[in-house]
Amino acid sequence: MFFGNALISWRCKKQDCVSKSSTKADYHAMSTTCSEIVWLCGLLEELGFPQTTSTPLHADNDSAIQIVTNLVFHERTKHIEVDCHSIRDTLESWVISLPHISFNLQVADIFTKAMIRQRHQFLVGKLLLVDLPASIREEMLLYIKFRTLLILDIRLSIYV
Protein backbone atom coordinates (compact mmCIF):
# COMPACT_ATOMS: atom_id res chain seq x y z
CA MET A 1 0.00 0.00 0.00
CA PHE A 2 1.17 3.47 -0.79
CA PHE A 3 0.49 6.71 1.08
CA GLY A 4 1.14 9.24 -1.67
CA ASN A 5 4.34 7.94 -3.24
CA ALA A 6 5.59 6.24 -0.07
CA LEU A 7 5.24 2.50 0.45
CA ILE A 8 3.73 2.05 3.92
CA SER A 9 2.57 -1.54 3.97
CA TRP A 10 3.15 -4.76 2.08
CA ARG A 11 2.47 -8.37 2.83
CA CYS A 12 3.55 -11.64 1.33
CA LYS A 13 1.72 -14.56 2.89
CA LYS A 14 1.33 -18.22 2.13
CA GLN A 15 -2.36 -18.82 1.56
CA ASP A 16 -4.21 -21.07 4.00
CA CYS A 17 -5.83 -23.21 1.34
CA VAL A 18 -5.07 -24.45 -2.13
CA SER A 19 -7.13 -22.70 -4.76
CA LYS A 20 -8.23 -24.39 -7.96
CA SER A 21 -8.33 -21.12 -9.87
CA SER A 22 -6.17 -18.02 -10.02
CA THR A 23 -9.35 -15.94 -9.98
CA LYS A 24 -10.35 -17.28 -6.58
CA ALA A 25 -6.83 -16.76 -5.22
CA ASP A 26 -6.67 -13.20 -6.57
CA TYR A 27 -10.15 -12.52 -5.26
CA HIS A 28 -9.24 -13.60 -1.75
CA ALA A 29 -6.11 -11.43 -1.91
CA MET A 30 -8.29 -8.50 -3.02
CA SER A 31 -10.64 -9.13 -0.10
CA THR A 32 -7.79 -9.09 2.41
CA THR A 33 -6.32 -5.94 0.88
CA CYS A 34 -9.73 -4.26 0.84
CA SER A 35 -10.11 -4.92 4.58
CA GLU A 36 -6.69 -3.39 5.21
CA ILE A 37 -7.55 -0.34 3.09
CA VAL A 38 -10.75 0.21 5.09
CA TRP A 39 -8.80 -0.08 8.35
CA LEU A 40 -6.07 2.34 7.21
CA CYS A 41 -8.64 4.85 5.94
CA GLY A 42 -10.37 4.75 9.32
CA LEU A 43 -7.05 5.24 11.12
CA LEU A 44 -6.09 8.18 8.91
CA GLU A 45 -9.52 9.76 9.43
CA GLU A 46 -9.13 9.48 13.21
CA LEU A 47 -5.72 11.17 12.89
CA GLY A 48 -7.33 14.06 11.02
CA PHE A 49 -6.61 13.02 7.43
CA PRO A 50 -10.00 12.15 5.92
CA GLN A 51 -10.06 10.41 2.56
CA THR A 52 -11.07 12.73 -0.27
CA THR A 53 -10.80 10.27 -3.17
CA SER A 54 -11.19 6.54 -3.51
CA THR A 55 -8.15 4.34 -2.95
CA PRO A 56 -7.19 2.42 -6.09
CA LEU A 57 -6.94 -1.34 -5.53
CA HIS A 58 -4.96 -2.39 -8.61
CA ALA A 59 -5.77 -5.85 -9.89
CA ASP A 60 -4.43 -7.71 -12.90
CA ASN A 61 -7.14 -10.38 -12.98
CA ASP A 62 -10.12 -9.28 -15.09
CA SER A 63 -12.25 -12.16 -13.82
CA ALA A 64 -11.80 -11.14 -10.18
CA ILE A 65 -12.71 -7.54 -11.05
CA GLN A 66 -15.82 -8.77 -12.90
CA ILE A 67 -16.97 -10.79 -9.87
CA VAL A 68 -16.85 -7.64 -7.74
CA THR A 69 -18.55 -5.35 -10.24
CA ASN A 70 -21.15 -7.81 -11.57
CA LEU A 71 -24.42 -7.60 -9.64
CA VAL A 72 -25.48 -11.10 -10.71
CA PHE A 73 -23.97 -14.05 -8.86
CA HIS A 74 -23.24 -17.04 -11.01
CA GLU A 75 -23.29 -20.70 -10.02
CA ARG A 76 -19.49 -20.87 -10.00
CA THR A 77 -19.05 -17.98 -7.56
CA LYS A 78 -21.33 -19.14 -4.72
CA HIS A 79 -18.38 -20.03 -2.50
CA ILE A 80 -17.10 -16.44 -2.44
CA GLU A 81 -20.38 -14.55 -1.97
CA VAL A 82 -19.69 -13.22 1.53
CA ASP A 83 -16.34 -11.68 0.62
CA CYS A 84 -17.85 -10.34 -2.58
CA HIS A 85 -20.52 -8.42 -0.70
CA SER A 86 -17.94 -6.67 1.50
CA ILE A 87 -15.73 -5.68 -1.44
CA ARG A 88 -18.75 -4.57 -3.48
CA ASP A 89 -20.07 -2.45 -0.58
CA THR A 90 -16.65 -0.83 -0.23
CA LEU A 91 -16.52 -0.20 -3.97
CA GLU A 92 -20.03 1.30 -4.04
CA SER A 93 -19.24 3.61 -1.11
CA TRP A 94 -16.24 4.97 -3.08
CA VAL A 95 -13.69 3.88 -0.47
CA ILE A 96 -11.88 1.90 -3.17
CA SER A 97 -11.76 1.83 -6.95
CA LEU A 98 -10.73 -1.19 -9.02
CA PRO A 99 -8.53 -0.10 -11.91
CA HIS A 100 -7.08 -2.88 -14.04
CA ILE A 101 -3.30 -2.95 -14.15
CA SER A 102 -1.25 -4.80 -16.71
CA PHE A 103 0.71 -7.73 -15.33
CA ASN A 104 3.87 -5.98 -16.60
CA LEU A 105 3.32 -3.14 -14.12
CA GLN A 106 2.31 -5.26 -11.12
CA VAL A 107 4.67 -3.97 -8.43
CA ALA A 108 3.86 -6.77 -5.98
CA ASP A 109 5.68 -9.23 -8.27
CA ILE A 110 8.98 -8.03 -6.84
CA PHE A 111 8.08 -9.75 -3.55
CA THR A 112 6.68 -12.98 -4.95
CA LYS A 113 8.34 -13.90 -8.25
CA ALA A 114 11.77 -14.62 -9.65
CA MET A 115 12.71 -12.19 -12.42
CA ILE A 116 15.55 -10.95 -14.55
CA ARG A 117 17.72 -8.10 -13.27
CA GLN A 118 16.27 -5.40 -15.56
CA ARG A 119 12.70 -6.19 -14.48
CA HIS A 120 13.76 -6.20 -10.82
CA GLN A 121 15.43 -2.79 -11.19
CA PHE A 122 12.36 -1.44 -13.01
CA LEU A 123 10.05 -2.52 -10.16
CA VAL A 124 12.45 -1.23 -7.49
CA GLY A 125 12.24 2.12 -9.26
CA LYS A 126 8.43 1.96 -9.17
CA LEU A 127 8.55 1.34 -5.40
CA LEU A 128 10.88 4.33 -4.98
CA LEU A 129 13.35 2.11 -3.15
CA VAL A 130 16.86 3.49 -3.37
CA ASP A 131 20.21 2.44 -2.01
CA LEU A 132 21.53 5.15 0.29
CA PRO A 133 24.95 6.54 -0.56
CA ALA A 134 27.70 5.30 1.76
CA SER A 135 28.16 8.73 3.39
CA ILE A 136 24.49 8.97 4.42
CA ARG A 137 24.49 5.35 5.57
CA GLU A 138 27.53 6.00 7.81
CA GLU A 139 25.91 9.13 9.27
CA MET A 140 22.74 7.17 10.05
CA LEU A 141 24.74 4.39 11.75
CA LEU A 142 26.66 6.94 13.83
CA TYR A 143 23.40 8.62 14.81
CA ILE A 144 21.85 5.30 15.84
CA LYS A 145 24.93 4.38 17.87
CA PHE A 146 24.93 7.81 19.53
CA ARG A 147 21.22 7.52 20.42
CA THR A 148 21.76 4.02 21.82
CA LEU A 149 24.68 5.19 23.96
CA LEU A 150 22.67 8.20 25.14
CA ILE A 151 19.73 6.00 26.15
CA LEU A 152 22.07 3.59 27.98
CA ASP A 153 23.74 6.51 29.75
CA ILE A 154 20.35 7.87 30.86
CA ARG A 155 19.29 4.44 32.14
CA LEU A 156 22.54 4.01 34.05
CA SER A 157 22.21 7.45 35.65
CA ILE A 158 18.69 6.57 36.79
CA TYR A 159 19.91 3.43 38.58
CA VAL A 160 22.91 5.15 40.26
C-alpha atoms as a PDB file:
ATOM      1  CA  MET A   1       0.000   0.000   0.000  1.00  0.00           C
ATOM      2  CA  PHE A   2       1.167   3.473  -0.790  1.00  0.00           C
ATOM      3  CA  PHE A   3       0.491   6.709   1.080  1.00  0.00           C
ATOM      4  CA  GLY A   4       1.141   9.239  -1.666  1.00  0.00           C
ATOM      5  CA  ASN A   5       4.335   7.937  -3.244  1.00  0.00           C
ATOM      6  CA  ALA A   6       5.586   6.238  -0.072  1.00  0.00           C
ATOM      7  CA  LEU A   7       5.243   2.495   0.450  1.00  0.00           C
ATOM      8  CA  ILE A   8       3.732   2.054   3.925  1.00  0.00           C
ATOM      9  CA  SER A   9       2.573  -1.545   3.971  1.00  0.00           C
ATOM     10  CA  TRP A  10       3.151  -4.762   2.082  1.00  0.00           C
ATOM     11  CA  ARG A  11       2.468  -8.370   2.826  1.00  0.00           C
ATOM     12  CA  CYS A  12       3.548 -11.643   1.326  1.00  0.00           C
ATOM     13  CA  LYS A  13       1.723 -14.555   2.895  1.00  0.00           C
ATOM     14  CA  LYS A  14       1.328 -18.222   2.133  1.00  0.00           C
ATOM     15  CA  GLN A  15      -2.357 -18.820   1.560  1.00  0.00           C
ATOM     16  CA  ASP A  16      -4.207 -21.071   3.996  1.00  0.00           C
ATOM     17  CA  CYS A  17      -5.829 -23.208   1.338  1.00  0.00           C
ATOM     18  CA  VAL A  18      -5.072 -24.454  -2.133  1.00  0.00           C
ATOM     19  CA  SER A  19      -7.130 -22.700  -4.755  1.00  0.00           C
ATOM     20  CA  LYS A  20      -8.229 -24.389  -7.959  1.00  0.00           C
ATOM     21  CA  SER A  21      -8.327 -21.123  -9.868  1.00  0.00           C
ATOM     22  CA  SER A  22      -6.173 -18.024 -10.018  1.00  0.00           C
ATOM     23  CA  THR A  23      -9.351 -15.940  -9.983  1.00  0.00           C
ATOM     24  CA  LYS A  24     -10.347 -17.280  -6.576  1.00  0.00           C
ATOM     25  CA  ALA A  25      -6.826 -16.764  -5.220  1.00  0.00           C
ATOM     26  CA  ASP A  26      -6.668 -13.203  -6.571  1.00  0.00           C
ATOM     27  CA  TYR A  27     -10.148 -12.520  -5.264  1.00  0.00           C
ATOM     28  CA  HIS A  28      -9.243 -13.600  -1.746  1.00  0.00           C
ATOM     29  CA  ALA A  29      -6.107 -11.428  -1.908  1.00  0.00           C
ATOM     30  CA  MET A  30      -8.287  -8.497  -3.021  1.00  0.00           C
ATOM     31  CA  SER A  31     -10.642  -9.134  -0.104  1.00  0.00           C
ATOM     32  CA  THR A  32      -7.792  -9.090   2.414  1.00  0.00           C
ATOM     33  CA  THR A  33      -6.325  -5.942   0.881  1.00  0.00           C
ATOM     34  CA  CYS A  34      -9.733  -4.264   0.844  1.00  0.00           C
ATOM     35  CA  SER A  35     -10.111  -4.917   4.581  1.00  0.00           C
ATOM     36  CA  GLU A  36      -6.688  -3.392   5.206  1.00  0.00           C
ATOM     37  CA  ILE A  37      -7.551  -0.338   3.093  1.00  0.00           C
ATOM     38  CA  VAL A  38     -10.751   0.205   5.088  1.00  0.00           C
ATOM     39  CA  TRP A  39      -8.802  -0.080   8.351  1.00  0.00           C
ATOM     40  CA  LEU A  40      -6.072   2.343   7.207  1.00  0.00           C
ATOM     41  CA  CYS A  41      -8.637   4.850   5.942  1.00  0.00           C
ATOM     42  CA  GLY A  42     -10.368   4.747   9.325  1.00  0.00           C
ATOM     43  CA  LEU A  43      -7.050   5.237  11.115  1.00  0.00           C
ATOM     44  CA  LEU A  44      -6.093   8.178   8.909  1.00  0.00           C
ATOM     45  CA  GLU A  45      -9.517   9.759   9.426  1.00  0.00           C
ATOM     46  CA  GLU A  46      -9.129   9.480  13.212  1.00  0.00           C
ATOM     47  CA  LEU A  47      -5.725  11.165  12.889  1.00  0.00           C
ATOM     48  CA  GLY A  48      -7.328  14.064  11.017  1.00  0.00           C
ATOM     49  CA  PHE A  49      -6.611  13.019   7.430  1.00  0.00           C
ATOM     50  CA  PRO A  50      -9.998  12.152   5.921  1.00  0.00           C
ATOM     51  CA  GLN A  51     -10.062  10.413   2.558  1.00  0.00           C
ATOM     52  CA  THR A  52     -11.072  12.727  -0.269  1.00  0.00           C
ATOM     53  CA  THR A  53     -10.804  10.268  -3.172  1.00  0.00           C
ATOM     54  CA  SER A  54     -11.194   6.536  -3.507  1.00  0.00           C
ATOM     55  CA  THR A  55      -8.149   4.344  -2.952  1.00  0.00           C
ATOM     56  CA  PRO A  56      -7.185   2.423  -6.090  1.00  0.00           C
ATOM     57  CA  LEU A  57      -6.944  -1.336  -5.529  1.00  0.00           C
ATOM     58  CA  HIS A  58      -4.964  -2.389  -8.605  1.00  0.00           C
ATOM     59  CA  ALA A  59      -5.771  -5.852  -9.892  1.00  0.00           C
ATOM     60  CA  ASP A  60      -4.430  -7.706 -12.899  1.00  0.00           C
ATOM     61  CA  ASN A  61      -7.141 -10.375 -12.982  1.00  0.00           C
ATOM     62  CA  ASP A  62     -10.116  -9.285 -15.093  1.00  0.00           C
ATOM     63  CA  SER A  63     -12.253 -12.163 -13.824  1.00  0.00           C
ATOM     64  CA  ALA A  64     -11.802 -11.144 -10.182  1.00  0.00           C
ATOM     65  CA  ILE A  65     -12.713  -7.539 -11.049  1.00  0.00           C
ATOM     66  CA  GLN A  66     -15.816  -8.770 -12.904  1.00  0.00           C
ATOM     67  CA  ILE A  67     -16.966 -10.790  -9.868  1.00  0.00           C
ATOM     68  CA  VAL A  68     -16.847  -7.643  -7.737  1.00  0.00           C
ATOM     69  CA  THR A  69     -18.550  -5.352 -10.244  1.00  0.00           C
ATOM     70  CA  ASN A  70     -21.147  -7.813 -11.572  1.00  0.00           C
ATOM     71  CA  LEU A  71     -24.423  -7.604  -9.642  1.00  0.00           C
ATOM     72  CA  VAL A  72     -25.480 -11.102 -10.709  1.00  0.00           C
ATOM     73  CA  PHE A  73     -23.968 -14.052  -8.857  1.00  0.00           C
ATOM     74  CA  HIS A  74     -23.236 -17.042 -11.009  1.00  0.00           C
ATOM     75  CA  GLU A  75     -23.285 -20.696 -10.021  1.00  0.00           C
ATOM     76  CA  ARG A  76     -19.491 -20.871 -10.002  1.00  0.00           C
ATOM     77  CA  THR A  77     -19.046 -17.980  -7.556  1.00  0.00           C
ATOM     78  CA  LYS A  78     -21.330 -19.142  -4.719  1.00  0.00           C
ATOM     79  CA  HIS A  79     -18.376 -20.033  -2.500  1.00  0.00           C
ATOM     80  CA  ILE A  80     -17.104 -16.441  -2.436  1.00  0.00           C
ATOM     81  CA  GLU A  81     -20.380 -14.553  -1.971  1.00  0.00           C
ATOM     82  CA  VAL A  82     -19.689 -13.224   1.528  1.00  0.00           C
ATOM     83  CA  ASP A  83     -16.340 -11.678   0.620  1.00  0.00           C
ATOM     84  CA  CYS A  84     -17.852 -10.343  -2.582  1.00  0.00           C
ATOM     85  CA  HIS A  85     -20.519  -8.415  -0.698  1.00  0.00           C
ATOM     86  CA  SER A  86     -17.940  -6.670   1.503  1.00  0.00           C
ATOM     87  CA  ILE A  87     -15.734  -5.682  -1.442  1.00  0.00           C
ATOM     88  CA  ARG A  88     -18.751  -4.570  -3.484  1.00  0.00           C
ATOM     89  CA  ASP A  89     -20.066  -2.447  -0.583  1.00  0.00           C
ATOM     90  CA  THR A  90     -16.649  -0.832  -0.226  1.00  0.00           C
ATOM     91  CA  LEU A  91     -16.520  -0.202  -3.973  1.00  0.00           C
ATOM     92  CA  GLU A  92     -20.029   1.298  -4.039  1.00  0.00           C
ATOM     93  CA  SER A  93     -19.245   3.615  -1.110  1.00  0.00           C
ATOM     94  CA  TRP A  94     -16.237   4.968  -3.079  1.00  0.00           C
ATOM     95  CA  VAL A  95     -13.688   3.885  -0.471  1.00  0.00           C
ATOM     96  CA  ILE A  96     -11.879   1.900  -3.175  1.00  0.00           C
ATOM     97  CA  SER A  97     -11.761   1.832  -6.952  1.00  0.00           C
ATOM     98  CA  LEU A  98     -10.729  -1.193  -9.022  1.00  0.00           C
ATOM     99  CA  PRO A  99      -8.529  -0.103 -11.911  1.00  0.00           C
ATOM    100  CA  HIS A 100      -7.078  -2.883 -14.039  1.00  0.00           C
ATOM    101  CA  ILE A 101      -3.302  -2.946 -14.149  1.00  0.00           C
ATOM    102  CA  SER A 102      -1.248  -4.797 -16.711  1.00  0.00           C
ATOM    103  CA  PHE A 103       0.707  -7.734 -15.327  1.00  0.00           C
ATOM    104  CA  ASN A 104       3.868  -5.977 -16.597  1.00  0.00           C
ATOM    105  CA  LEU A 105       3.316  -3.145 -14.122  1.00  0.00           C
ATOM    106  CA  GLN A 106       2.306  -5.262 -11.115  1.00  0.00           C
ATOM    107  CA  VAL A 107       4.670  -3.965  -8.431  1.00  0.00           C
ATOM    108  CA  ALA A 108       3.863  -6.768  -5.981  1.00  0.00           C
ATOM    109  CA  ASP A 109       5.677  -9.233  -8.267  1.00  0.00           C
ATOM    110  CA  ILE A 110       8.985  -8.032  -6.838  1.00  0.00           C
ATOM    111  CA  PHE A 111       8.085  -9.752  -3.550  1.00  0.00           C
ATOM    112  CA  THR A 112       6.682 -12.976  -4.951  1.00  0.00           C
ATOM    113  CA  LYS A 113       8.343 -13.903  -8.251  1.00  0.00           C
ATOM    114  CA  ALA A 114      11.766 -14.618  -9.655  1.00  0.00           C
ATOM    115  CA  MET A 115      12.708 -12.186 -12.422  1.00  0.00           C
ATOM    116  CA  ILE A 116      15.546 -10.948 -14.549  1.00  0.00           C
ATOM    117  CA  ARG A 117      17.724  -8.102 -13.272  1.00  0.00           C
ATOM    118  CA  GLN A 118      16.267  -5.402 -15.564  1.00  0.00           C
ATOM    119  CA  ARG A 119      12.699  -6.186 -14.482  1.00  0.00           C
ATOM    120  CA  HIS A 120      13.756  -6.201 -10.821  1.00  0.00           C
ATOM    121  CA  GLN A 121      15.426  -2.793 -11.190  1.00  0.00           C
ATOM    122  CA  PHE A 122      12.363  -1.440 -13.005  1.00  0.00           C
ATOM    123  CA  LEU A 123      10.053  -2.521 -10.156  1.00  0.00           C
ATOM    124  CA  VAL A 124      12.450  -1.232  -7.486  1.00  0.00           C
ATOM    125  CA  GLY A 125      12.243   2.121  -9.262  1.00  0.00           C
ATOM    126  CA  LYS A 126       8.432   1.959  -9.169  1.00  0.00           C
ATOM    127  CA  LEU A 127       8.551   1.339  -5.397  1.00  0.00           C
ATOM    128  CA  LEU A 128      10.877   4.330  -4.982  1.00  0.00           C
ATOM    129  CA  LEU A 129      13.355   2.105  -3.153  1.00  0.00           C
ATOM    130  CA  VAL A 130      16.863   3.491  -3.371  1.00  0.00           C
ATOM    131  CA  ASP A 131      20.215   2.442  -2.012  1.00  0.00           C
ATOM    132  CA  LEU A 132      21.526   5.145   0.293  1.00  0.00           C
ATOM    133  CA  PRO A 133      24.952   6.538  -0.561  1.00  0.00           C
ATOM    134  CA  ALA A 134      27.703   5.300   1.764  1.00  0.00           C
ATOM    135  CA  SER A 135      28.156   8.730   3.390  1.00  0.00           C
ATOM    136  CA  ILE A 136      24.490   8.972   4.420  1.00  0.00           C
ATOM    137  CA  ARG A 137      24.486   5.347   5.574  1.00  0.00           C
ATOM    138  CA  GLU A 138      27.529   6.000   7.814  1.00  0.00           C
ATOM    139  CA  GLU A 139      25.911   9.127   9.265  1.00  0.00           C
ATOM    140  CA  MET A 140      22.740   7.166  10.052  1.00  0.00           C
ATOM    141  CA  LEU A 141      24.737   4.394  11.752  1.00  0.00           C
ATOM    142  CA  LEU A 142      26.659   6.938  13.830  1.00  0.00           C
ATOM    143  CA  TYR A 143      23.396   8.625  14.813  1.00  0.00           C
ATOM    144  CA  ILE A 144      21.846   5.295  15.842  1.00  0.00           C
ATOM    145  CA  LYS A 145      24.935   4.378  17.872  1.00  0.00           C
ATOM    146  CA  PHE A 146      24.933   7.808  19.532  1.00  0.00           C
ATOM    147  CA  ARG A 147      21.216   7.518  20.416  1.00  0.00           C
ATOM    148  CA  THR A 148      21.765   4.019  21.820  1.00  0.00           C
ATOM    149  CA  LEU A 149      24.682   5.191  23.963  1.00  0.00           C
ATOM    150  CA  LEU A 150      22.670   8.198  25.135  1.00  0.00           C
ATOM    151  CA  ILE A 151      19.730   5.999  26.149  1.00  0.00           C
ATOM    152  CA  LEU A 152      22.070   3.592  27.976  1.00  0.00           C
ATOM    153  CA  ASP A 153      23.739   6.508  29.748  1.00  0.00           C
ATOM    154  CA  ILE A 154      20.352   7.872  30.865  1.00  0.00           C
ATOM    155  CA  ARG A 155      19.295   4.441  32.144  1.00  0.00           C
ATOM    156  CA  LEU A 156      22.543   4.011  34.053  1.00  0.00           C
ATOM    157  CA  SER A 157      22.212   7.447  35.653  1.00  0.00           C
ATOM    158  CA  ILE A 158      18.690   6.570  36.791  1.00  0.00           C
ATOM    159  CA  TYR A 159      19.913   3.429  38.577  1.00  0.00           C
ATOM    160  CA  VAL A 160      22.912   5.148  40.262  1.00  0.00           C
END
